[in-house]
Amino acid sequence: MHPVKKIEIIANSFELTKILDSLKKSGVHGHAVIRNVEGEGLRDGSEDLDMTMGDNVYIIAFCMPDQIKVVAENVRPLLNKFGGTCYISDVMEIRSVKCVASL
């Protein structure tokens, strides 16, 4: 096992391409996207992302800890301009390189 950073972004689907481009530009090449995300109340007070329309996306990606500063620098301007939220957390990755299947 080794430590990695988990990046979770909820944003309007119209910005998906820009966000994925910024992750790729930051050196993050793998991701998963869940479309039609709905929800509410992620923050107290006003919400800059209307979570009830169902046209939002949830992006999950992982990177090495030393990459996270670049990721934040590239993603933050997009979220500031278009809205959305980003969470970064510490997680552990179990890497399996010896996948063996019997036939």
PDB file of N, CA and C in Angstrom:
ATOM      1  N   MET A   1       0.845  -1.180   0.000  1.00  0.00           N
ATOM      2  CA  MET A   1       0.000   0.000   0.000  1.00  0.00           C
ATOM      3  C   MET A   1       0.884   1.235   0.000  1.00  0.00           C
ATOM      4  N   HIS A   2       0.385   2.277  -0.633  1.00  0.00           N
ATOM      5  CA  HIS A   2       1.112   3.540  -0.600  1.00  0.00           C
ATOM      6  C   HIS A   2       0.118   4.700  -0.605  1.00  0.00           C
ATOM      7  N   PRO A   3       0.527   5.842  -0.033  1.00  0.00           N
ATOM      8  CA  PRO A   3      -0.403   6.984   0.053  1.00  0.00           C
ATOM      9  C   PRO A   3      -0.599   7.672  -1.296  1.00  0.00           C
ATOM     10  N   VAL A   4      -1.854   8.049  -1.564  1.00  0.00           N
ATOM     11  CA  VAL A   4      -2.202   8.853  -2.734  1.00  0.00           C
ATOM     12  C   VAL A   4      -3.244   9.878  -2.299  1.00  0.00           C
ATOM     13  N   LYS A   5      -3.501  10.826  -3.136  1.00  0.00           N
ATOM     14  CA  LYS A   5      -4.543  11.825  -2.898  1.00  0.00           C
ATOM     15  C   LYS A   5      -5.764  11.484  -3.743  1.00  0.00           C
ATOM     16  N   LYS A   6      -6.932  11.580  -3.117  1.00  0.00           N
ATOM     17  CA  LYS A   6      -8.194  11.377  -3.844  1.00  0.00           C
ATOM     18  C   LYS A   6      -8.796  12.744  -4.131  1.00  0.00           C
ATOM     19  N   ILE A   7      -9.138  12.976  -5.383  1.00  0.00           N
ATOM     20  CA  ILE A   7      -9.723  14.242  -5.821  1.00  0.00           C
ATOM     21  C   ILE A   7     -11.174  13.967  -6.195  1.00  0.00           C
ATOM     22  N   GLU A   8     -12.094  14.682  -5.561  1.00  0.00           N
ATOM     23  CA  GLU A   8     -13.517  14.552  -5.874  1.00  0.00           C
ATOM     24  C   GLU A   8     -14.042  15.920  -6.279  1.00  0.00           C
ATOM     25  N   ILE A   9     -14.626  16.005  -7.447  1.00  0.00           N
ATOM     26  CA  ILE A   9     -15.134  17.274  -7.965  1.00  0.00           C
ATOM     27  C   ILE A   9     -16.590  17.085  -8.358  1.00  0.00           C
ATOM     28  N   ILE A  10     -17.433  17.999  -7.908  1.00  0.00           N
ATOM     29  CA  ILE A  10     -18.830  18.045  -8.349  1.00  0.00           C
ATOM     30  C   ILE A  10     -19.010  19.367  -9.069  1.00  0.00           C
ATOM     31  N   ALA A  11     -19.428  19.304 -10.316  1.00  0.00           N
ATOM     32  CA  ALA A  11     -19.538  20.527 -11.117  1.00  0.00           C
ATOM     33  C   ALA A  11     -20.620  20.346 -12.168  1.00  0.00           C
ATOM     34  N   ASN A  12     -20.945  21.436 -12.833  1.00  0.00           N
ATOM     35  CA  ASN A  12     -21.906  21.378 -13.921  1.00  0.00           C
ATOM     36  C   ASN A  12     -21.301  20.591 -15.078  1.00  0.00           C
ATOM     37  N   SER A  13     -22.107  19.782 -15.730  1.00  0.00           N
ATOM     38  CA  SER A  13     -21.606  18.930 -16.812  1.00  0.00           C
ATOM     39  C   SER A  13     -21.034  19.731 -17.974  1.00  0.00           C
ATOM     40  N   PHE A  14     -21.457  20.983 -18.140  1.00  0.00           N
ATOM     41  CA  PHE A  14     -20.940  21.799 -19.237  1.00  0.00           C
ATOM     42  C   PHE A  14     -19.441  22.058 -19.085  1.00  0.00           C
ATOM     43  N   GLU A  15     -18.933  21.946 -17.877  1.00  0.00           N
ATOM     44  CA  GLU A  15     -17.512  22.224 -17.623  1.00  0.00           C
ATOM     45  C   GLU A  15     -16.674  20.955 -17.559  1.00  0.00           C
ATOM     46  N   LEU A  16     -17.274  19.807 -17.839  1.00  0.00           N
ATOM     47  CA  LEU A  16     -16.560  18.536 -17.694  1.00  0.00           C
ATOM     48  C   LEU A  16     -15.275  18.499 -18.524  1.00  0.00           C
ATOM     49  N   THR A  17     -15.342  18.877 -19.777  1.00  0.00           N
ATOM     50  CA  THR A  17     -14.157  18.821 -20.640  1.00  0.00           C
ATOM     51  C   THR A  17     -13.034  19.694 -20.100  1.00  0.00           C
ATOM     52  N   LYS A  18     -13.376  20.891 -19.650  1.00  0.00           N
ATOM     53  CA  LYS A  18     -12.353  21.804 -19.117  1.00  0.00           C
ATOM     54  C   LYS A  18     -11.721  21.235 -17.855  1.00  0.00           C
ATOM     55  N   ILE A  19     -12.539  20.653 -16.991  1.00  0.00           N
ATOM     56  CA  ILE A  19     -12.010  20.088 -15.747  1.00  0.00           C
ATOM     57  C   ILE A  19     -11.118  18.891 -16.047  1.00  0.00           C
ATOM     58  N   LEU A  20     -11.547  18.014 -16.938  1.00  0.00           N
ATOM     59  CA  LEU A  20     -10.722  16.852 -17.278  1.00  0.00           C
ATOM     60  C   LEU A  20      -9.426  17.284 -17.953  1.00  0.00           C
ATOM     61  N   ASP A  21      -9.483  18.317 -18.781  1.00  0.00           N
ATOM     62  CA  ASP A  21      -8.263  18.852 -19.402  1.00  0.00           C
ATOM     63  C   ASP A  21      -7.306  19.399 -18.350  1.00  0.00           C
ATOM     64  N   SER A  22      -7.865  20.080 -17.326  1.00  0.00           N
ATOM     65  CA  SER A  22      -7.001  20.642 -16.276  1.00  0.00           C
ATOM     66  C   SER A  22      -6.369  19.527 -15.441  1.00  0.00           C
ATOM     67  N   LEU A  23      -7.100  18.432 -15.213  1.00  0.00           N
ATOM     68  CA  LEU A  23      -6.512  17.292 -14.502  1.00  0.00           C
ATOM     69  C   LEU A  23      -5.390  16.672 -15.319  1.00  0.00           C
ATOM     70  N   LYS A  24      -5.645  16.503 -16.623  1.00  0.00           N
ATOM     71  CA  LYS A  24      -4.623  15.922 -17.495  1.00  0.00           C
ATOM     72  C   LYS A  24      -3.395  16.825 -17.555  1.00  0.00           C
ATOM     73  N   LYS A  25      -3.622  18.131 -17.638  1.00  0.00           N
ATOM     74  CA  LYS A  25      -2.529  19.113 -17.660  1.00  0.00           C
ATOM     75  C   LYS A  25      -1.713  19.046 -16.366  1.00  0.00           C
ATOM     76  N   SER A  26      -2.363  18.625 -15.275  1.00  0.00           N
ATOM     77  CA  SER A  26      -1.704  18.526 -13.974  1.00  0.00           C
ATOM     78  C   SER A  26      -0.973  17.201 -13.787  1.00  0.00           C
ATOM     79  N   GLY A  27      -1.087  16.315 -14.772  1.00  0.00           N
ATOM     80  CA  GLY A  27      -0.427  15.019 -14.673  1.00  0.00           C
ATOM     81  C   GLY A  27      -1.307  13.915 -14.140  1.00  0.00           C
ATOM     82  N   VAL A  28      -2.612  14.190 -13.989  1.00  0.00           N
ATOM     83  CA  VAL A  28      -3.571  13.185 -13.528  1.00  0.00           C
ATOM     84  C   VAL A  28      -4.226  12.588 -14.774  1.00  0.00           C
ATOM     85  N   HIS A  29      -3.916  11.328 -15.057  1.00  0.00           N
ATOM     86  CA  HIS A  29      -4.371  10.750 -16.320  1.00  0.00           C
ATOM     87  C   HIS A  29      -5.527   9.773 -16.188  1.00  0.00           C
ATOM     88  N   GLY A  30      -5.862   9.375 -14.980  1.00  0.00           N
ATOM     89  CA  GLY A  30      -6.989   8.472 -14.806  1.00  0.00           C
ATOM     90  C   GLY A  30      -8.099   9.148 -14.034  1.00  0.00           C
ATOM     91  N   HIS A  31      -9.321   8.836 -14.364  1.00  0.00           N
ATOM     92  CA  HIS A  31     -10.454   9.420 -13.654  1.00  0.00           C
ATOM     93  C   HIS A  31     -11.701   8.584 -13.928  1.00  0.00           C
ATOM     94  N   ALA A  32     -12.733   8.825 -13.127  1.00  0.00           N
ATOM     95  CA  ALA A  32     -14.053   8.254 -13.365  1.00  0.00           C
ATOM     96  C   ALA A  32     -15.056   9.401 -13.311  1.00  0.00           C
ATOM     97  N   VAL A  33     -16.090   9.315 -14.111  1.00  0.00           N
ATOM     98  CA  VAL A  33     -17.121  10.352 -14.157  1.00  0.00           C
ATOM     99  C   VAL A  33     -18.488   9.700 -13.954  1.00  0.00           C
ATOM    100  N   ILE A  34     -19.235  10.234 -13.016  1.00  0.00           N
ATOM    101  CA  ILE A  34     -20.621   9.823 -12.808  1.00  0.00           C
ATOM    102  C   ILE A  34     -21.497  10.998 -13.212  1.00  0.00           C
ATOM    103  N   ARG A  35     -22.382  10.771 -14.141  1.00  0.00           N
ATOM    104  CA  ARG A  35     -23.226  11.856 -14.675  1.00  0.00           C
ATOM    105  C   ARG A  35     -24.576  11.913 -13.946  1.00  0.00           C
ATOM    106  N   ASN A  36     -25.259  13.026 -14.154  1.00  0.00           N
ATOM    107  CA  ASN A  36     -26.606  13.242 -13.619  1.00  0.00           C
ATOM    108  C   ASN A  36     -26.642  13.169 -12.091  1.00  0.00           C
ATOM    109  N   VAL A  37     -25.694  13.836 -11.462  1.00  0.00           N
ATOM    110  CA  VAL A  37     -25.602  13.859 -10.010  1.00  0.00           C
ATOM    111  C   VAL A  37     -26.562  14.907  -9.462  1.00  0.00           C
ATOM    112  N   GLU A  38     -27.318  14.539  -8.437  1.00  0.00           N
ATOM    113  CA  GLU A  38     -28.213  15.463  -7.763  1.00  0.00           C
ATOM    114  C   GLU A  38     -27.899  15.486  -6.290  1.00  0.00           C
ATOM    115  N   GLY A  39     -28.239  16.565  -5.620  1.00  0.00           N
ATOM    116  CA  GLY A  39     -28.030  16.671  -4.190  1.00  0.00           C
ATOM    117  C   GLY A  39     -28.299  18.083  -3.734  1.00  0.00           C
ATOM    118  N   GLU A  40     -28.081  18.330  -2.471  1.00  0.00           N
ATOM    119  CA  GLU A  40     -28.246  19.673  -1.935  1.00  0.00           C
ATOM    120  C   GLU A  40     -27.531  19.771  -0.601  1.00  0.00           C
ATOM    121  N   GLY A  41     -27.301  21.003  -0.176  1.00  0.00           N
ATOM    122  CA  GLY A  41     -26.785  21.263   1.145  1.00  0.00           C
ATOM    123  C   GLY A  41     -25.351  20.862   1.384  1.00  0.00           C
ATOM    124  N   LEU A  42     -24.511  20.952   0.365  1.00  0.00           N
ATOM    125  CA  LEU A  42     -23.116  20.641   0.586  1.00  0.00           C
ATOM    126  C   LEU A  42     -22.432  21.713   1.422  1.00  0.00           C
ATOM    127  N   ARG A  43     -22.937  22.932   1.368  1.00  0.00           N
ATOM    128  CA  ARG A  43     -22.371  24.033   2.151  1.00  0.00           C
ATOM    129  C   ARG A  43     -23.506  24.773   2.846  1.00  0.00           C
ATOM    130  N   ASP A  44     -23.176  25.417   3.948  1.00  0.00           N
ATOM    131  CA  ASP A  44     -24.145  26.284   4.607  1.00  0.00           C
ATOM    132  C   ASP A  44     -24.326  27.543   3.775  1.00  0.00           C
ATOM    133  N   GLY A  45     -25.523  28.088   3.808  1.00  0.00           N
ATOM    134  CA  GLY A  45     -25.764  29.340   3.104  1.00  0.00           C
ATOM    135  C   GLY A  45     -26.019  29.121   1.640  1.00  0.00           C
ATOM    136  N   SER A  46     -25.643  30.097   0.834  1.00  0.00           N
ATOM    137  CA  SER A  46     -25.945  30.043  -0.586  1.00  0.00           C
ATOM    138  C   SER A  46     -25.112  28.975  -1.279  1.00  0.00           C
ATOM    139  N   GLU A  47     -25.698  28.407  -2.278  1.00  0.00           N
ATOM    140  CA  GLU A  47     -25.053  27.341  -3.045  1.00  0.00           C
ATOM    141  C   GLU A  47     -24.754  27.880  -4.439  1.00  0.00           C
ATOM    142  N   ASP A  48     -23.503  27.748  -4.882  1.00  0.00           N
ATOM    143  CA  ASP A  48     -23.170  28.238  -6.211  1.00  0.00           C
ATOM    144  C   ASP A  48     -23.413  27.184  -7.276  1.00  0.00           C
ATOM    145  N   LEU A  49     -23.869  26.031  -6.870  1.00  0.00           N
ATOM    146  CA  LEU A  49     -24.118  24.949  -7.808  1.00  0.00           C
ATOM    147  C   LEU A  49     -25.517  24.430  -7.567  1.00  0.00           C
ATOM    148  N   ASP A  50     -26.373  24.564  -8.551  1.00  0.00           N
ATOM    149  CA  ASP A  50     -27.741  24.076  -8.396  1.00  0.00           C
ATOM    150  C   ASP A  50     -27.740  22.566  -8.562  1.00  0.00           C
ATOM    151  N   MET A  51     -27.797  21.871  -7.433  1.00  0.00           N
ATOM    152  CA  MET A  51     -27.651  20.415  -7.432  1.00  0.00           C
ATOM    153  C   MET A  51     -28.959  19.697  -7.731  1.00  0.00           C
ATOM    154  N   THR A  52     -30.013  20.435  -7.998  1.00  0.00           N
ATOM    155  CA  THR A  52     -31.290  19.774  -8.204  1.00  0.00           C
ATOM    156  C   THR A  52     -31.623  19.565  -9.672  1.00  0.00           C
ATOM    157  N   MET A  53     -30.824  20.099 -10.575  1.00  0.00           N
ATOM    158  CA  MET A  53     -31.144  19.999 -11.993  1.00  0.00           C
ATOM    159  C   MET A  53     -30.719  18.672 -12.598  1.00  0.00           C
ATOM    160  N   GLY A  54     -29.843  17.944 -11.959  1.00  0.00           N
ATOM    161  CA  GLY A  54     -29.438  16.644 -12.468  1.00  0.00           C
ATOM    162  C   GLY A  54     -28.485  16.701 -13.637  1.00  0.00           C
ATOM    163  N   ASP A  55     -27.968  17.875 -13.963  1.00  0.00           N
ATOM    164  CA  ASP A  55     -27.016  17.966 -15.063  1.00  0.00           C
ATOM    165  C   ASP A  55     -25.594  18.164 -14.547  1.00  0.00           C
ATOM    166  N   ASN A  56     -25.366  17.730 -13.321  1.00  0.00           N
ATOM    167  CA  ASN A  56     -24.040  17.844 -12.726  1.00  0.00           C
ATOM    168  C   ASN A  56     -23.283  16.532 -12.862  1.00  0.00           C
ATOM    169  N   VAL A  57     -21.978  16.627 -12.720  1.00  0.00           N
ATOM    170  CA  VAL A  57     -21.131  15.444 -12.808  1.00  0.00           C
ATOM    171  C   VAL A  57     -20.301  15.322 -11.538  1.00  0.00           C
ATOM    172  N   TYR A  58     -19.964  14.093 -11.206  1.00  0.00           N
ATOM    173  CA  TYR A  58     -19.077  13.784 -10.092  1.00  0.00           C
ATOM    174  C   TYR A  58     -17.836  13.153 -10.702  1.00  0.00           C
ATOM    175  N   ILE A  59     -16.710  13.773 -10.469  1.00  0.00           N
ATOM    176  CA  ILE A  59     -15.441  13.306 -11.023  1.00  0.00           C
ATOM    177  C   ILE A  59     -14.589  12.802  -9.866  1.00  0.00           C
ATOM    178  N   ILE A  60     -14.034  11.637 -10.014  1.00  0.00           N
ATOM    179  CA  ILE A  60     -13.125  11.103  -9.009  1.00  0.00           C
ATOM    180  C   ILE A  60     -11.819  10.742  -9.712  1.00  0.00           C
ATOM    181  N   ALA A  61     -10.728  11.156  -9.102  1.00  0.00           N
ATOM    182  CA  ALA A  61      -9.403  10.879  -9.661  1.00  0.00           C
ATOM    183  C   ALA A  61      -8.418  10.722  -8.513  1.00  0.00           C
ATOM    184  N   PHE A  62      -7.286  10.156  -8.816  1.00  0.00           N
ATOM    185  CA  PHE A  62      -6.242   9.945  -7.815  1.00  0.00           C
ATOM    186  C   PHE A  62      -4.920  10.425  -8.380  1.00  0.00           C
ATOM    187  N   CYS A  63      -4.063  10.907  -7.486  1.00  0.00           N
ATOM    188  CA  CYS A  63      -2.734  11.333  -7.909  1.00  0.00           C
ATOM    189  C   CYS A  63      -1.748  11.137  -6.766  1.00  0.00           C
ATOM    190  N   MET A  64      -0.492  11.272  -7.089  1.00  0.00           N
ATOM    191  CA  MET A  64       0.541  11.196  -6.070  1.00  0.00           C
ATOM    192  C   MET A  64       0.491  12.477  -5.238  1.00  0.00           C
ATOM    193  N   PRO A  65       0.849  12.393  -3.951  1.00  0.00           N
ATOM    194  CA  PRO A  65       0.767  13.577  -3.082  1.00  0.00           C
ATOM    195  C   PRO A  65       1.537  14.790  -3.604  1.00  0.00           C
ATOM    196  N   ASP A  66       2.670  14.581  -4.271  1.00  0.00           N
ATOM    197  CA  ASP A  66       3.450  15.730  -4.752  1.00  0.00           C
ATOM    198  C   ASP A  66       2.809  16.432  -5.957  1.00  0.00           C
ATOM    199  N   GLN A  67       1.763  15.860  -6.547  1.00  0.00           N
ATOM    200  CA  GLN A  67       1.072  16.477  -7.682  1.00  0.00           C
ATOM    201  C   GLN A  67      -0.080  17.387  -7.249  1.00  0.00           C
ATOM    202  N   ILE A  68      -0.503  17.300  -6.000  1.00  0.00           N
ATOM    203  CA  ILE A  68      -1.773  17.916  -5.610  1.00  0.00           C
ATOM    204  C   ILE A  68      -1.736  19.439  -5.672  1.00  0.00           C
ATOM    205  N   LYS A  69      -0.588  20.054  -5.433  1.00  0.00           N
ATOM    206  CA  LYS A  69      -0.505  21.516  -5.510  1.00  0.00           C
ATOM    207  C   LYS A  69      -0.797  21.991  -6.937  1.00  0.00           C
ATOM    208  N   VAL A  70      -0.246  21.315  -7.921  1.00  0.00           N
ATOM    209  CA  VAL A  70      -0.492  21.681  -9.323  1.00  0.00           C
ATOM    210  C   VAL A  70      -1.951  21.457  -9.687  1.00  0.00           C
ATOM    211  N   VAL A  71      -2.524  20.352  -9.194  1.00  0.00           N
ATOM    212  CA  VAL A  71      -3.944  20.078  -9.452  1.00  0.00           C
ATOM    213  C   VAL A  71      -4.801  21.227  -8.911  1.00  0.00           C
ATOM    214  N   ALA A  72      -4.556  21.624  -7.669  1.00  0.00           N
ATOM    215  CA  ALA A  72      -5.346  22.706  -7.067  1.00  0.00           C
ATOM    216  C   ALA A  72      -5.175  24.009  -7.837  1.00  0.00           C
ATOM    217  N   GLU A  73      -3.960  24.302  -8.272  1.00  0.00           N
ATOM    218  CA  GLU A  73      -3.716  25.541  -9.028  1.00  0.00           C
ATOM    219  C   GLU A  73      -4.451  25.539 -10.360  1.00  0.00           C
ATOM    220  N   ASN A  74      -4.599  24.367 -10.978  1.00  0.00           N
ATOM    221  CA  ASN A  74      -5.264  24.298 -12.280  1.00  0.00           C
ATOM    222  C   ASN A  74      -6.779  24.191 -12.181  1.00  0.00           C
ATOM    223  N   VAL A  75      -7.284  23.529 -11.145  1.00  0.00           N
ATOM    224  CA  VAL A  75      -8.729  23.323 -11.017  1.00  0.00           C
ATOM    225  C   VAL A  75      -9.422  24.525 -10.373  1.00  0.00           C
ATOM    226  N   ARG A  76      -8.763  25.162  -9.415  1.00  0.00           N
ATOM    227  CA  ARG A  76      -9.394  26.261  -8.676  1.00  0.00           C
ATOM    228  C   ARG A  76      -9.943  27.372  -9.579  1.00  0.00           C
ATOM    229  N   PRO A  77      -9.191  27.860 -10.574  1.00  0.00           N
ATOM    230  CA  PRO A  77      -9.752  28.925 -11.421  1.00  0.00           C
ATOM    231  C   PRO A  77     -11.032  28.509 -12.140  1.00  0.00           C
ATOM    232  N   LEU A  78     -11.121  27.246 -12.551  1.00  0.00           N
ATOM    233  CA  LEU A  78     -12.341  26.776 -13.230  1.00  0.00           C
ATOM    234  C   LEU A  78     -13.522  26.781 -12.278  1.00  0.00           C
ATOM    235  N   LEU A  79     -13.297  26.291 -11.045  1.00  0.00           N
ATOM    236  CA  LEU A  79     -14.393  26.261 -10.075  1.00  0.00           C
ATOM    237  C   LEU A  79     -14.780  27.671  -9.649  1.00  0.00           C
ATOM    238  N   ASN A  80     -13.792  28.561  -9.557  1.00  0.00           N
ATOM    239  CA  ASN A  80     -14.102  29.954  -9.215  1.00  0.00           C
ATOM    240  C   ASN A  80     -14.929  30.623 -10.305  1.00  0.00           C
ATOM    241  N   LYS A  81     -14.641  30.285 -11.547  1.00  0.00           N
ATOM    242  CA  LYS A  81     -15.343  30.918 -12.672  1.00  0.00           C
ATOM    243  C   LYS A  81     -16.709  30.295 -12.939  1.00  0.00           C
ATOM    244  N   PHE A  82     -16.785  28.951 -12.874  1.00  0.00           N
ATOM    245  CA  PHE A  82     -18.009  28.273 -13.303  1.00  0.00           C
ATOM    246  C   PHE A  82     -18.809  27.640 -12.169  1.00  0.00           C
ATOM    247  N   GLY A  83     -18.233  27.609 -10.968  1.00  0.00           N
ATOM    248  CA  GLY A  83     -18.919  26.987  -9.838  1.00  0.00           C
ATOM    249  C   GLY A  83     -18.566  25.521  -9.712  1.00  0.00           C
ATOM    250  N   GLY A  84     -18.859  24.990  -8.558  1.00  0.00           N
ATOM    251  CA  GLY A  84     -18.554  23.594  -8.306  1.00  0.00           C
ATOM    252  C   GLY A  84     -17.749  23.457  -7.029  1.00  0.00           C
ATOM    253  N   THR A  85     -17.535  22.220  -6.623  1.00  0.00           N
ATOM    254  CA  THR A  85     -16.790  21.964  -5.404  1.00  0.00           C
ATOM    255  C   THR A  85     -15.725  20.910  -5.669  1.00  0.00           C
ATOM    256  N   CYS A  86     -14.662  20.987  -4.898  1.00  0.00           N
ATOM    257  CA  CYS A  86     -13.573  20.015  -5.020  1.00  0.00           C
ATOM    258  C   CYS A  86     -13.123  19.619  -3.628  1.00  0.00           C
ATOM    259  N   TYR A  87     -13.015  18.338  -3.403  1.00  0.00           N
ATOM    260  CA  TYR A  87     -12.526  17.806  -2.134  1.00  0.00           C
ATOM    261  C   TYR A  87     -11.283  16.978  -2.412  1.00  0.00           C
ATOM    262  N   ILE A  88     -10.294  17.145  -1.555  1.00  0.00           N
ATOM    263  CA  ILE A  88      -9.045  16.392  -1.677  1.00  0.00           C
ATOM    264  C   ILE A  88      -8.805  15.699  -0.342  1.00  0.00           C
ATOM    265  N   SER A  89      -8.541  14.414  -0.397  1.00  0.00           N
ATOM    266  CA  SER A  89      -8.327  13.665   0.842  1.00  0.00           C
ATOM    267  C   SER A  89      -7.164  12.692   0.683  1.00  0.00           C
ATOM    268  N   ASP A  90      -6.639  12.270   1.815  1.00  0.00           N
ATOM    269  CA  ASP A  90      -5.566  11.283   1.851  1.00  0.00           C
ATOM    270  C   ASP A  90      -6.183   9.889   1.875  1.00  0.00           C
ATOM    271  N   VAL A  91      -5.706   9.031   0.996  1.00  0.00           N
ATOM    272  CA  VAL A  91      -6.170   7.645   0.962  1.00  0.00           C
ATOM    273  C   VAL A  91      -4.964   6.743   0.701  1.00  0.00           C
ATOM    274  N   MET A  92      -5.178   5.458   0.841  1.00  0.00           N
ATOM    275  CA  MET A  92      -4.136   4.481   0.562  1.00  0.00           C
ATOM    276  C   MET A  92      -4.534   3.665  -0.655  1.00  0.00           C
ATOM    277  N   GLU A  93      -3.596   3.410  -1.533  1.00  0.00           N
ATOM    278  CA  GLU A  93      -3.843   2.604  -2.719  1.00  0.00           C
ATOM    279  C   GLU A  93      -3.185   1.238  -2.549  1.00  0.00           C
ATOM    280  N   ILE A  94      -3.943   0.218  -2.885  1.00  0.00           N
ATOM    281  CA  ILE A  94      -3.380  -1.122  -2.940  1.00  0.00           C
ATOM    282  C   ILE A  94      -3.160  -1.415  -4.416  1.00  0.00           C
ATOM    283  N   ARG A  95      -1.932  -1.507  -4.803  1.00  0.00           N
ATOM    284  CA  ARG A  95      -1.619  -1.730  -6.211  1.00  0.00           C
ATOM    285  C   ARG A  95      -1.350  -3.207  -6.438  1.00  0.00           C
ATOM    286  N   SER A  96      -2.083  -3.766  -7.353  1.00  0.00           N
ATOM    287  CA  SER A  96      -1.903  -5.171  -7.689  1.00  0.00           C
ATOM    288  C   SER A  96      -1.329  -5.266  -9.090  1.00  0.00           C
ATOM    289  N   VAL A  97      -0.187  -5.871  -9.213  1.00  0.00           N
ATOM    290  CA  VAL A  97       0.439  -6.007 -10.529  1.00  0.00           C
ATOM    291  C   VAL A  97       0.543  -7.465 -10.952  1.00  0.00           C
ATOM    292  N   LYS A  98       0.160  -8.366 -10.081  1.00  0.00           N
ATOM    293  CA  LYS A  98       0.248  -9.789 -10.396  1.00  0.00           C
ATOM    294  C   LYS A  98      -1.150 -10.378 -10.453  1.00  0.00           C
ATOM    295  N   CYS A  99      -1.866 -10.031 -11.480  1.00  0.00           N
ATOM    296  CA  CYS A  99      -3.203 -10.575 -11.668  1.00  0.00           C
ATOM    297  C   CYS A  99      -3.067 -11.923 -12.380  1.00  0.00           C
ATOM    298  N   VAL A 100      -3.467 -12.966 -11.730  1.00  0.00           N
ATOM    299  CA  VAL A 100      -3.327 -14.312 -12.283  1.00  0.00           C
ATOM    300  C   VAL A 100      -4.702 -14.967 -12.290  1.00  0.00           C
ATOM    301  N   ALA A 101      -5.073 -15.423 -13.422  1.00  0.00           N
ATOM    302  CA  ALA A 101      -6.357 -16.116 -13.526  1.00  0.00           C
ATOM    303  C   ALA A 101      -6.101 -17.516 -14.052  1.00  0.00           C
ATOM    304  N   SER A 102      -6.826 -18.450 -13.521  1.00  0.00           N
ATOM    305  CA  SER A 102      -6.696 -19.816 -14.026  1.00  0.00           C
ATOM    306  C   SER A 102      -7.822 -20.090 -15.004  1.00  0.00           C
ATOM    307  N   LEU A 103      -7.489 -20.765 -16.058  1.00  0.00           N
ATOM    308  CA  LEU A 103      -8.498 -21.092 -17.070  1.00  0.00           C
ATOM    309  C   LEU A 103      -8.967 -22.511 -16.924  1.00  0.00           C
TER     310      LEU A 103
END
